[in-house]
C-alpha atoms as a PDB file:
ATOM      1  CA  MET A   1       0.000   0.000   0.000  1.00  0.00           C
ATOM      2  CA  THR A   2       1.323   3.438  -0.971  1.00  0.00           C
ATOM      3  CA  PHE A   3       2.380   5.587   1.969  1.00  0.00           C
ATOM      4  CA  LEU A   4       4.285   8.445   0.307  1.00  0.00           C
ATOM      5  CA  SER A   5       3.112   9.491  -3.140  1.00  0.00           C
ATOM      6  CA  ILE A   6       4.930  11.985  -5.380  1.00  0.00           C
ATOM      7  CA  ARG A   7       2.958  12.839  -8.497  1.00  0.00           C
ATOM      8  CA  HIS A   8       4.410  14.668 -11.506  1.00  0.00           C
ATOM      9  CA  LEU A   9       6.571  16.940  -9.378  1.00  0.00           C
ATOM     10  CA  SER A  10       8.590  19.547 -11.290  1.00  0.00           C
ATOM     11  CA  LYS A  11      10.627  22.667 -10.624  1.00  0.00           C
ATOM     12  CA  SER A  12      11.758  25.390 -13.010  1.00  0.00           C
ATOM     13  CA  TYR A  13      13.732  28.604 -12.598  1.00  0.00           C
ATOM     14  CA  ASP A  14      12.959  30.907 -15.544  1.00  0.00           C
ATOM     15  CA  SER A  15      14.253  28.927 -18.543  1.00  0.00           C
ATOM     16  CA  HIS A  16      16.120  26.325 -16.465  1.00  0.00           C
ATOM     17  CA  VAL A  17      14.332  23.124 -15.493  1.00  0.00           C
ATOM     18  CA  ALA A  18      15.775  21.731 -12.255  1.00  0.00           C
ATOM     19  CA  LEU A  19      13.424  18.736 -12.038  1.00  0.00           C
ATOM     20  CA  HIS A  20      11.328  17.158 -14.792  1.00  0.00           C
ATOM     21  CA  ASP A  21       7.969  15.445 -14.155  1.00  0.00           C
ATOM     22  CA  PHE A  22       9.053  13.249 -11.216  1.00  0.00           C
ATOM     23  CA  SER A  23       6.722  10.558  -9.854  1.00  0.00           C
ATOM     24  CA  LEU A  24       7.363   7.995  -7.128  1.00  0.00           C
ATOM     25  CA  GLU A  25       5.441   5.817  -4.694  1.00  0.00           C
ATOM     26  CA  LEU A  26       6.870   4.339  -1.496  1.00  0.00           C
ATOM     27  CA  ALA A  27       5.358   1.972   1.043  1.00  0.00           C
ATOM     28  CA  ARG A  28       5.609   2.647   4.776  1.00  0.00           C
ATOM     29  CA  GLY A  29       9.079   1.751   6.056  1.00  0.00           C
ATOM     30  CA  GLU A  30      10.584   1.522   2.571  1.00  0.00           C
ATOM     31  CA  PHE A  31      14.131   2.772   1.891  1.00  0.00           C
ATOM     32  CA  LEU A  32      15.203   4.375  -1.391  1.00  0.00           C
ATOM     33  CA  SER A  33      18.560   5.825  -2.448  1.00  0.00           C
ATOM     34  CA  ILE A  34      18.590   8.465  -5.170  1.00  0.00           C
ATOM     35  CA  VAL A  35      21.977   8.776  -6.876  1.00  0.00           C
ATOM     36  CA  GLY A  36      22.973  11.682  -9.075  1.00  0.00           C
ATOM     37  CA  GLU A  37      25.747  14.133  -9.812  1.00  0.00           C
ATOM     38  CA  SER A  38      25.800  17.693  -8.500  1.00  0.00           C
ATOM     39  CA  GLY A  39      23.062  19.776 -10.097  1.00  0.00           C
ATOM     40  CA  SER A  40      20.863  16.794 -10.932  1.00  0.00           C
ATOM     41  CA  GLY A  41      17.954  18.086  -8.827  1.00  0.00           C
ATOM     42  CA  LYS A  42      18.373  15.822  -5.784  1.00  0.00           C
ATOM     43  CA  SER A  43      18.274  18.496  -3.072  1.00  0.00           C
ATOM     44  CA  THR A  44      15.507  20.400  -4.863  1.00  0.00           C
ATOM     45  CA  LEU A  45      13.408  17.223  -4.882  1.00  0.00           C
ATOM     46  CA  LEU A  46      13.867  16.644  -1.142  1.00  0.00           C
ATOM     47  CA  ARG A  47      12.973  20.225  -0.236  1.00  0.00           C
ATOM     48  CA  MET A  48       9.734  19.964  -2.222  1.00  0.00           C
ATOM     49  CA  ILE A  49       8.848  16.597  -0.643  1.00  0.00           C
ATOM     50  CA  ALA A  50       9.370  18.157   2.800  1.00  0.00           C
ATOM     51  CA  GLY A  51       7.109  21.093   1.952  1.00  0.00           C
ATOM     52  CA  LEU A  52       9.985  23.565   2.222  1.00  0.00           C
ATOM     53  CA  MET A  53      10.034  24.680  -1.420  1.00  0.00           C
ATOM     54  CA  THR A  54       7.236  25.597  -3.810  1.00  0.00           C
ATOM     55  CA  GLN A  55       7.095  23.316  -6.828  1.00  0.00           C
ATOM     56  CA  SER A  56       6.268  24.440 -10.353  1.00  0.00           C
ATOM     57  CA  GLY A  57       3.911  21.510 -10.843  1.00  0.00           C
ATOM     58  CA  GLY A  58       2.698  18.283  -9.270  1.00  0.00           C
ATOM     59  CA  GLU A  59       1.932  17.306  -5.695  1.00  0.00           C
ATOM     60  CA  VAL A  60       3.182  15.299  -2.703  1.00  0.00           C
ATOM     61  CA  LEU A  61       0.838  13.236  -0.546  1.00  0.00           C
ATOM     62  CA  LEU A  62       1.491  11.423   2.710  1.00  0.00           C
ATOM     63  CA  GLU A  63      -1.215   8.831   3.342  1.00  0.00           C
ATOM     64  CA  GLU A  64      -3.351  10.751   0.806  1.00  0.00           C
ATOM     65  CA  LYS A  65      -2.900  13.991   2.788  1.00  0.00           C
ATOM     66  CA  LEU A  66      -1.594  16.840   0.630  1.00  0.00           C
ATOM     67  CA  ILE A  67       1.802  18.222   1.671  1.00  0.00           C
ATOM     68  CA  GLU A  68       1.403  21.971   1.269  1.00  0.00           C
ATOM     69  CA  ASN A  69       4.261  24.155   0.057  1.00  0.00           C
ATOM     70  CA  PRO A  70       5.368  27.553   1.455  1.00  0.00           C
ATOM     71  CA  SER A  71       2.897  29.399  -0.763  1.00  0.00           C
ATOM     72  CA  GLN A  72       0.054  27.405   0.831  1.00  0.00           C
ATOM     73  CA  LYS A  73       1.229  27.062   4.434  1.00  0.00           C
ATOM     74  CA  LEU A  74       2.132  29.886   6.831  1.00  0.00           C
ATOM     75  CA  LEU A  75       4.861  27.858   8.587  1.00  0.00           C
ATOM     76  CA  PRO A  76       6.516  25.599   6.008  1.00  0.00           C
ATOM     77  CA  GLY A  77       7.381  22.013   6.881  1.00  0.00           C
ATOM     78  CA  TYR A  78       5.858  19.078   8.719  1.00  0.00           C
ATOM     79  CA  ASP A  79       6.774  17.092  11.813  1.00  0.00           C
ATOM     80  CA  GLU A  80       5.877  13.957   9.847  1.00  0.00           C
ATOM     81  CA  ILE A  81       8.616  14.661   7.265  1.00  0.00           C
ATOM     82  CA  LYS A  82      12.086  15.713   8.379  1.00  0.00           C
ATOM     83  CA  LEU A  83      15.028  16.736   6.200  1.00  0.00           C
ATOM     84  CA  ILE A  84      18.624  16.229   7.360  1.00  0.00           C
ATOM     85  CA  HIS A  85      21.131  18.501   5.612  1.00  0.00           C
ATOM     86  CA  GLN A  86      24.795  17.874   4.891  1.00  0.00           C
ATOM     87  CA  ASP A  87      25.843  20.951   6.915  1.00  0.00           C
ATOM     88  CA  TYR A  88      24.244  19.745  10.205  1.00  0.00           C
ATOM     89  CA  GLN A  89      22.445  23.079  10.988  1.00  0.00           C
ATOM     90  CA  LEU A  90      22.950  22.765  14.766  1.00  0.00           C
ATOM     91  CA  PHE A  91      22.627  25.618  17.261  1.00  0.00           C
ATOM     92  CA  PRO A  92      26.291  26.500  17.993  1.00  0.00           C
ATOM     93  CA  ASN A  93      25.759  27.762  21.564  1.00  0.00           C
ATOM     94  CA  SER A  94      23.488  24.917  22.678  1.00  0.00           C
ATOM     95  CA  THR A  95      24.689  21.613  24.091  1.00  0.00           C
ATOM     96  CA  VAL A  96      24.040  18.253  22.462  1.00  0.00           C
ATOM     97  CA  GLU A  97      21.134  17.625  24.810  1.00  0.00           C
ATOM     98  CA  GLU A  98      19.664  21.081  24.166  1.00  0.00           C
ATOM     99  CA  ASN A  99      19.982  20.714  20.385  1.00  0.00           C
ATOM    100  CA  ILE A 100      18.137  17.393  20.408  1.00  0.00           C
ATOM    101  CA  SER A 101      15.396  18.695  22.709  1.00  0.00           C
ATOM    102  CA  ARG A 102      14.682  21.908  20.739  1.00  0.00           C
ATOM    103  CA  PRO A 103      11.963  20.391  18.508  1.00  0.00           C
ATOM    104  CA  LEU A 104      10.257  19.136  21.691  1.00  0.00           C
ATOM    105  CA  LEU A 105      10.021  22.424  23.624  1.00  0.00           C
ATOM    106  CA  GLN A 106       6.216  22.425  23.400  1.00  0.00           C
ATOM    107  CA  TYR A 107       5.934  18.821  24.556  1.00  0.00           C
ATOM    108  CA  ASP A 108       5.437  17.463  28.071  1.00  0.00           C
ATOM    109  CA  ALA A 109       8.684  17.819  30.041  1.00  0.00           C
ATOM    110  CA  LYS A 110       8.716  14.191  31.177  1.00  0.00           C
ATOM    111  CA  TYR A 111       8.175  12.891  27.640  1.00  0.00           C
ATOM    112  CA  ARG A 112      10.800  15.318  26.307  1.00  0.00           C
ATOM    113  CA  ALA A 113      13.433  14.076  28.751  1.00  0.00           C
ATOM    114  CA  GLN A 114      12.620  10.423  28.027  1.00  0.00           C
ATOM    115  CA  ARG A 115      12.729  10.949  24.265  1.00  0.00           C
ATOM    116  CA  VAL A 116      16.014  12.856  24.324  1.00  0.00           C
ATOM    117  CA  ASN A 117      17.672  10.298  26.630  1.00  0.00           C
ATOM    118  CA  ARG A 118      16.486   7.439  24.416  1.00  0.00           C
ATOM    119  CA  LEU A 119      17.872   9.043  21.260  1.00  0.00           C
ATOM    120  CA  MET A 120      21.207   9.838  22.912  1.00  0.00           C
ATOM    121  CA  SER A 121      21.402   6.214  24.041  1.00  0.00           C
ATOM    122  CA  GLN A 122      20.505   4.832  20.604  1.00  0.00           C
ATOM    123  CA  LEU A 123      23.077   7.024  18.866  1.00  0.00           C
ATOM    124  CA  GLY A 124      25.815   6.729  21.489  1.00  0.00           C
ATOM    125  CA  LEU A 125      25.738  10.380  22.516  1.00  0.00           C
ATOM    126  CA  GLU A 126      25.200  10.093  26.313  1.00  0.00           C
ATOM    127  CA  SER A 127      28.779  10.970  27.196  1.00  0.00           C
ATOM    128  CA  TYR A 128      28.688  14.066  24.951  1.00  0.00           C
ATOM    129  CA  LYS A 129      25.362  15.519  26.124  1.00  0.00           C
ATOM    130  CA  ASP A 130      26.920  18.614  27.739  1.00  0.00           C
ATOM    131  CA  ARG A 131      29.273  19.432  24.868  1.00  0.00           C
ATOM    132  CA  LEU A 132      28.780  22.165  22.276  1.00  0.00           C
ATOM    133  CA  PRO A 133      28.801  21.272  18.548  1.00  0.00           C
ATOM    134  CA  ARG A 134      32.277  22.749  18.037  1.00  0.00           C
ATOM    135  CA  GLN A 135      33.614  20.302  20.632  1.00  0.00           C
ATOM    136  CA  LEU A 136      32.429  17.306  18.579  1.00  0.00           C
ATOM    137  CA  SER A 137      33.828  15.433  15.596  1.00  0.00           C
ATOM    138  CA  GLY A 138      32.018  15.571  12.258  1.00  0.00           C
ATOM    139  CA  GLY A 139      30.471  12.153  12.845  1.00  0.00           C
ATOM    140  CA  GLN A 140      29.244  13.139  16.300  1.00  0.00           C
ATOM    141  CA  GLN A 141      27.730  16.380  14.966  1.00  0.00           C
ATOM    142  CA  GLN A 142      25.904  14.430  12.276  1.00  0.00           C
ATOM    143  CA  LYS A 143      24.520  12.080  14.926  1.00  0.00           C
ATOM    144  CA  VAL A 144      23.190  15.092  16.852  1.00  0.00           C
ATOM    145  CA  ALA A 145      21.529  16.398  13.682  1.00  0.00           C
ATOM    146  CA  ILE A 146      19.960  12.973  13.104  1.00  0.00           C
ATOM    147  CA  ALA A 147      18.750  12.757  16.704  1.00  0.00           C
ATOM    148  CA  GLN A 148      17.287  16.267  16.419  1.00  0.00           C
ATOM    149  CA  ALA A 149      15.376  15.269  13.279  1.00  0.00           C
ATOM    150  CA  LEU A 150      14.130  12.045  14.903  1.00  0.00           C
ATOM    151  CA  ALA A 151      13.035  13.778  18.115  1.00  0.00           C
ATOM    152  CA  VAL A 152       9.453  14.320  16.922  1.00  0.00           C
ATOM    153  CA  GLU A 153       9.277  10.740  15.564  1.00  0.00           C
ATOM    154  CA  PRO A 154       8.846  11.628  11.884  1.00  0.00           C
ATOM    155  CA  GLU A 155       7.285   9.072   9.575  1.00  0.00           C
ATOM    156  CA  VAL A 156       9.522  10.079   6.649  1.00  0.00           C
ATOM    157  CA  LEU A 157      13.216  10.958   6.866  1.00  0.00           C
ATOM    158  CA  LEU A 158      14.935  12.721   3.968  1.00  0.00           C
ATOM    159  CA  LEU A 159      18.736  12.549   3.929  1.00  0.00           C
ATOM    160  CA  ASP A 160      20.488  15.178   1.798  1.00  0.00           C
ATOM    161  CA  GLU A 161      24.047  13.826   1.463  1.00  0.00           C
ATOM    162  CA  PRO A 162      24.501  13.928   5.262  1.00  0.00           C
ATOM    163  CA  PHE A 163      27.706  11.858   5.214  1.00  0.00           C
ATOM    164  CA  SER A 164      29.666  13.871   2.642  1.00  0.00           C
ATOM    165  CA  HIS A 165      31.907  15.547   5.261  1.00  0.00           C
ATOM    166  CA  LEU A 166      32.867  12.297   6.984  1.00  0.00           C
ATOM    167  CA  ASP A 167      35.860  10.075   6.320  1.00  0.00           C
ATOM    168  CA  ALA A 168      35.284   6.589   4.908  1.00  0.00           C
ATOM    169  CA  ILE A 169      35.522   4.758   8.258  1.00  0.00           C
ATOM    170  CA  GLN A 170      33.166   7.161  10.077  1.00  0.00           C
ATOM    171  CA  LYS A 171      30.773   7.068   7.137  1.00  0.00           C
ATOM    172  CA  ARG A 172      30.496   3.258   6.989  1.00  0.00           C
ATOM    173  CA  LYS A 173      29.928   3.010  10.738  1.00  0.00           C
ATOM    174  CA  LEU A 174      27.297   5.769  10.868  1.00  0.00           C
ATOM    175  CA  ILE A 175      25.335   4.459   7.869  1.00  0.00           C
ATOM    176  CA  PHE A 176      25.215   0.978   9.444  1.00  0.00           C
ATOM    177  CA  GLU A 177      24.034   2.353  12.803  1.00  0.00           C
ATOM    178  CA  LEU A 178      21.443   4.614  11.180  1.00  0.00           C
ATOM    179  CA  LYS A 179      20.090   1.828   8.984  1.00  0.00           C
ATOM    180  CA  GLU A 180      19.547  -0.429  11.999  1.00  0.00           C
ATOM    181  CA  LEU A 181      17.862   2.367  13.978  1.00  0.00           C
ATOM    182  CA  LEU A 182      15.526   3.462  11.164  1.00  0.00           C
ATOM    183  CA  LYS A 183      14.531  -0.120  10.355  1.00  0.00           C
ATOM    184  CA  GLU A 184      13.659  -0.635  14.012  1.00  0.00           C
ATOM    185  CA  MET A 185      11.577   2.563  14.015  1.00  0.00           C
ATOM    186  CA  GLY A 186       9.769   1.691  10.765  1.00  0.00           C
ATOM    187  CA  THR A 187      10.726   5.036   9.207  1.00  0.00           C
ATOM    188  CA  THR A 188      10.341   5.633   5.470  1.00  0.00           C
ATOM    189  CA  VAL A 189      13.661   6.921   4.104  1.00  0.00           C
ATOM    190  CA  ILE A 190      14.824   8.717   0.972  1.00  0.00           C
ATOM    191  CA  PHE A 191      18.602   9.164   0.834  1.00  0.00           C
ATOM    192  CA  VAL A 192      20.190  11.290  -1.902  1.00  0.00           C
ATOM    193  CA  THR A 193      23.882  11.103  -2.686  1.00  0.00           C
ATOM    194  CA  HIS A 194      26.406  11.281  -5.523  1.00  0.00           C
ATOM    195  CA  ASP A 195      28.224   8.246  -4.084  1.00  0.00           C
ATOM    196  CA  LEU A 196      26.887   4.862  -5.182  1.00  0.00           C
ATOM    197  CA  ASP A 197      28.803   3.007  -2.442  1.00  0.00           C
ATOM    198  CA  ASP A 198      27.075   5.113   0.239  1.00  0.00           C
ATOM    199  CA  ALA A 199      23.709   4.500  -1.401  1.00  0.00           C
ATOM    200  CA  LEU A 200      24.171   0.733  -1.453  1.00  0.00           C
ATOM    201  CA  ARG A 201      25.230   0.623   2.196  1.00  0.00           C
ATOM    202  CA  LEU A 202      21.785   1.909   3.128  1.00  0.00           C
ATOM    203  CA  THR A 203      19.589   0.084   0.614  1.00  0.00           C
ATOM    204  CA  ASP A 204      19.669  -1.939  -2.594  1.00  0.00           C
ATOM    205  CA  SER A 205      16.731   0.029  -4.011  1.00  0.00           C
ATOM    206  CA  LEU A 206      18.105   2.709  -6.336  1.00  0.00           C
ATOM    207  CA  LEU A 207      16.863   5.544  -8.507  1.00  0.00           C
ATOM    208  CA  ILE A 208      19.305   7.319 -10.816  1.00  0.00           C
ATOM    209  CA  LEU A 209      18.731  11.018 -11.478  1.00  0.00           C
ATOM    210  CA  GLN A 210      20.568  12.945 -14.198  1.00  0.00           C
ATOM    211  CA  LYS A 211      19.942  16.561 -15.194  1.00  0.00           C
ATOM    212  CA  GLY A 212      16.625  16.545 -13.367  1.00  0.00           C
ATOM    213  CA  LYS A 213      15.334  13.398 -15.083  1.00  0.00           C
ATOM    214  CA  VAL A 214      14.925   9.820 -13.865  1.00  0.00           C
ATOM    215  CA  VAL A 215      17.141   7.694 -16.097  1.00  0.00           C
ATOM    216  CA  GLN A 216      16.697   4.319 -14.378  1.00  0.00           C
ATOM    217  CA  LYS A 217      15.216   2.684 -11.288  1.00  0.00           C
ATOM    218  CA  GLY A 218      15.722  -0.782  -9.819  1.00  0.00           C
ATOM    219  CA  ASN A 219      18.008  -2.853  -7.632  1.00  0.00           C
ATOM    220  CA  SER A 220      21.795  -2.847  -7.946  1.00  0.00           C
ATOM    221  CA  LYS A 221      21.941  -6.146  -9.878  1.00  0.00           C
ATOM    222  CA  VAL A 222      19.540  -4.919 -12.559  1.00  0.00           C
ATOM    223  CA  LEU A 223      21.233  -1.537 -12.906  1.00  0.00           C
ATOM    224  CA  CYS A 224      24.736  -3.020 -13.003  1.00  0.00           C
ATOM    225  CA  GLU A 225      23.979  -5.813 -15.483  1.00  0.00           C
ATOM    226  CA  HIS A 226      21.458  -3.906 -17.618  1.00  0.00           C
ATOM    227  CA  PRO A 227      22.308  -0.187 -17.499  1.00  0.00           C
ATOM    228  CA  LYS A 228      20.364   1.971 -19.932  1.00  0.00           C
ATOM    229  CA  SER A 229      23.100   4.561 -20.437  1.00  0.00           C
ATOM    230  CA  ARG A 230      26.831   5.122 -20.103  1.00  0.00           C
ATOM    231  CA  TYR A 231      26.172   7.323 -17.080  1.00  0.00           C
ATOM    232  CA  VAL A 232      24.421   4.517 -15.170  1.00  0.00           C
ATOM    233  CA  ALA A 233      27.051   1.965 -16.209  1.00  0.00           C
ATOM    234  CA  ARG A 234      29.913   4.182 -15.017  1.00  0.00           C
ATOM    235  CA  LEU A 235      28.374   4.564 -11.575  1.00  0.00           C
ATOM    236  CA  PHE A 236      29.252   0.909 -10.947  1.00  0.00           C
ATOM    237  CA  SER A 237      32.679   0.759 -12.599  1.00  0.00           C
ATOM    238  CA  PRO A 238      34.720   2.126 -15.481  1.00  0.00           C
ATOM    239  CA  ILE A 239      33.715   0.816 -18.909  1.00  0.00           C
ATOM    240  CA  ASN A 240      35.984   0.120 -21.887  1.00  0.00           C
ATOM    241  CA  GLN A 241      34.893   1.066 -25.395  1.00  0.00           C
ATOM    242  CA  ILE A 242      35.321  -1.770 -27.862  1.00  0.00           C
ATOM    243  CA  PRO A 243      37.185  -0.614 -30.989  1.00  0.00           C
ATOM    244  CA  ASP A 244      35.174  -0.401 -34.216  1.00  0.00           C
ATOM    245  CA  ARG A 245      31.887  -1.232 -32.471  1.00  0.00           C
ATOM    246  CA  PHE A 246      29.309   1.527 -32.057  1.00  0.00           C
ATOM    247  CA  ASN A 247      28.270   2.233 -28.432  1.00  0.00           C
ATOM    248  CA  SER A 248      29.669  -1.127 -27.261  1.00  0.00           C
ATOM    249  CA  TYR A 249      31.520  -1.456 -23.960  1.00  0.00           C
ATOM    250  CA  VAL A 250      32.855  -4.042 -21.531  1.00  0.00           C
ATOM    251  CA  ARG A 251      33.634  -3.740 -17.813  1.00  0.00           C
ATOM    252  CA  PRO A 252      37.191  -4.241 -16.452  1.00  0.00           C
ATOM    253  CA  SER A 253      36.044  -7.263 -14.431  1.00  0.00           C
ATOM    254  CA  ASP A 254      34.642  -8.937 -17.579  1.00  0.00           C
ATOM    255  CA  VAL A 255      37.911  -8.818 -19.526  1.00  0.00           C
ATOM    256  CA  ARG A 256      40.132 -11.893 -19.355  1.00  0.00           C
ATOM    257  CA  LEU A 257      43.893 -11.709 -19.797  1.00  0.00           C
ATOM    258  CA  ARG A 258      45.397 -14.325 -22.123  1.00  0.00           C
ATOM    259  CA  THR A 259      48.768 -15.245 -23.609  1.00  0.00           C
ATOM    260  CA  ARG A 260      47.336 -15.155 -27.125  1.00  0.00           C
ATOM    261  CA  GLY A 261      44.348 -13.698 -28.916  1.00  0.00           C
ATOM    262  CA  GLU A 262      43.187 -10.982 -31.321  1.00  0.00           C
ATOM    263  CA  LEU A 263      43.054  -7.884 -29.093  1.00  0.00           C
ATOM    264  CA  ILE A 264      46.629  -6.931 -28.178  1.00  0.00           C
ATOM    265  CA  GLY A 265      47.907  -4.256 -25.821  1.00  0.00           C
ATOM    266  CA  HIS A 266      50.652  -3.246 -23.409  1.00  0.00           C
ATOM    267  CA  VAL A 267      50.371  -2.515 -19.683  1.00  0.00           C
ATOM    268  CA  VAL A 268      51.126   1.191 -19.130  1.00  0.00           C
ATOM    269  CA  ASP A 269      50.110   1.522 -15.475  1.00  0.00           C
ATOM    270  CA  LEU A 270      49.321  -0.674 -12.460  1.00  0.00           C
ATOM    271  CA  ARG A 271      47.535  -0.041  -9.148  1.00  0.00           C
ATOM    272  CA  TYR A 272      47.539  -2.519  -6.279  1.00  0.00           C
ATOM    273  CA  LEU A 273      43.996  -2.849  -4.884  1.00  0.00           C
ATOM    274  CA  VAL A 274      42.665  -5.121  -2.151  1.00  0.00           C
ATOM    275  CA  HIS A 275      41.400  -7.984  -4.318  1.00  0.00           C
ATOM    276  CA  TYR A 276      43.273  -7.458  -7.594  1.00  0.00           C
ATOM    277  CA  ASN A 277      45.695  -5.278  -9.541  1.00  0.00           C
ATOM    278  CA  SER A 278      44.045  -2.657 -11.724  1.00  0.00           C
ATOM    279  CA  LEU A 279      45.870  -2.403 -15.041  1.00  0.00           C
ATOM    280  CA  LEU A 280      45.758   0.353 -17.630  1.00  0.00           C
ATOM    281  CA  ILE A 281      46.370  -1.204 -21.029  1.00  0.00           C
ATOM    282  CA  ARG A 282      46.998   0.683 -24.258  1.00  0.00           C
ATOM    283  CA  LEU A 283      45.523  -1.230 -27.190  1.00  0.00           C
ATOM    284  CA  ARG A 284      47.793  -1.660 -30.188  1.00  0.00           C
ATOM    285  CA  ASP A 285      45.024  -0.875 -32.681  1.00  0.00           C
ATOM    286  CA  GLY A 286      43.492   2.562 -32.209  1.00  0.00           C
ATOM    287  CA  GLY A 287      45.403   3.483 -29.076  1.00  0.00           C
ATOM    288  CA  HIS A 288      42.413   3.057 -26.732  1.00  0.00           C
ATOM    289  CA  ILE A 289      43.260   2.846 -23.011  1.00  0.00           C
ATOM    290  CA  TRP A 290      41.439   0.026 -21.238  1.00  0.00           C
ATOM    291  CA  GLU A 291      41.167  -0.593 -17.513  1.00  0.00           C
ATOM    292  CA  VAL A 292      41.369  -4.312 -16.699  1.00  0.00           C
ATOM    293  CA  ASP A 293      41.279  -6.305 -13.444  1.00  0.00           C
ATOM    294  CA  ASP A 294      44.239  -8.669 -12.952  1.00  0.00           C
ATOM    295  CA  SER A 295      42.985 -10.948 -10.158  1.00  0.00           C
ATOM    296  CA  MET A 296      46.104 -13.165 -10.320  1.00  0.00           C
ATOM    297  CA  ARG A 297      48.462 -10.147 -10.095  1.00  0.00           C
ATOM    298  CA  ARG A 298      50.429 -11.672 -12.963  1.00  0.00           C
ATOM    299  CA  TYR A 299      51.285  -8.716 -15.175  1.00  0.00           C
ATOM    300  CA  GLN A 300      53.623  -5.743 -14.799  1.00  0.00           C
ATOM    301  CA  VAL A 301      54.049  -2.399 -16.548  1.00  0.00           C
ATOM    302  CA  GLY A 302      55.505  -2.996 -20.020  1.00  0.00           C
ATOM    303  CA  ASP A 303      54.086  -6.516 -20.447  1.00  0.00           C
ATOM    304  CA  ARG A 304      52.277  -7.432 -23.649  1.00  0.00           C
ATOM    305  CA  VAL A 305      48.809  -8.856 -23.030  1.00  0.00           C
ATOM    306  CA  TYR A 306      45.974 -10.334 -25.085  1.00  0.00           C
ATOM    307  CA  LEU A 307      42.440  -9.399 -24.079  1.00  0.00           C
ATOM    308  CA  HIS A 308      39.327 -11.526 -24.369  1.00  0.00           C
ATOM    309  CA  PHE A 309      35.681 -11.035 -23.372  1.00  0.00           C
ATOM    310  CA  ASP A 310      32.443 -12.949 -23.834  1.00  0.00           C
ATOM    311  CA  GLU A 311      29.778 -11.448 -26.071  1.00  0.00           C
ATOM    312  CA  GLU A 312      27.089 -11.759 -23.385  1.00  0.00           C
ATOM    313  CA  LYS A 313      29.134  -9.350 -21.248  1.00  0.00           C
ATOM    314  CA  VAL A 314      29.088  -6.594 -23.870  1.00  0.00           C
ATOM    315  CA  LEU A 315      27.036  -3.541 -22.907  1.00  0.00           C
ATOM    316  CA  VAL A 316      25.385  -1.606 -25.741  1.00  0.00           C
ATOM    317  CA  LEU A 317      24.746   1.845 -24.288  1.00  0.00           C
ATOM    318  CA  LYS A 318      23.390   5.209 -25.300  1.00  0.00           C
ATOM    319  CA  SER A 319      25.056   8.401 -24.120  1.00  0.00           C
END
C-alpha cells in the first residue's frame, strides 16, 4: 500500500528546469537511495517533498494527505517529514542535549526528557550531552543532527548527502548504525547522494537522477547488469569502449587476460587494490586505453597482453 506518493513533481527557474515530471510511490518503512551528480535536482526534490520549497507543478501526498508548500502554508514544513542537511544546521551555543530537545520544547517535560535520553542512548551520545557542537567530531555532529530530526518521531526521513563531510571509516559506521535504527523505528527513508557506495550501504533500491530526469530505477543487480546509459554503467565501474563497435563497452572485471588472442595491448600503469591489480592497457590498434582487473596479479608495466571477453558481457549503451 502506498504511503508516500509523489505525483508529476517539477521545478523550473525561468528557462532552467531543475526537475522534470518526477513521480514515485513508497510503502511505509521503505528505503530508497537516489543517486545523481551535483546539479541533478536531488536536493531540490527533497525540499519539495518536505514542503519547504514551492514546486512548479505536481503534488506530494502522505497517506493521501496533501503536503502543502510555502505558498500554501504559513509555517513551512511538517513534523511527519524531516530533512537532514549535509551541513548539520545545529545551534552553535546549545549543548548536544539542548539541540536534540529543541523540537520538543512544546511537549510534556517528562516525555521530552525520556525521548532525548532514548535518542542519545541509541546514537551513542550520552557521554557528549553537555558538549557544544564545536567540541564534537564531524560524525558526532551528524549524529546530533539525526537525533534532532528524529526527536518528533517523523514518519519520513529525507537525507540530503549527510555523510559527505565524513571520512570513509566514520561514514560506513554511521550508515550501518542509522540503517539499523531506522529499520527498528519503521521510518520511510529517501537518501540522496552522488556516491553509489554510500547509497548501497543503506539500501539496494536505487533511482538514478541525471539533469533533473529519472534515467533508471531498480536494484543494484539490474542496474549493473542492464544499465540503460553510459552514465548509469559508469556509476558501478569504469567501462571500456570496444574498438570499431558503435556504443559497445565491456567492464574491467569482464575482460580476461590471455597469452594469445586478437586484441593486443601493453600494460602502461598498475595499481595494487585489495582484491586485484588494476591495469591500464593501451591497445595496439586505435590506441584506446582500457582498464582491466588482474585478479592473479600476474602482469607488470611494459608486459604485452591479449584481451578476451564474452559477447554476453558486452554492454550496448546510449550516451
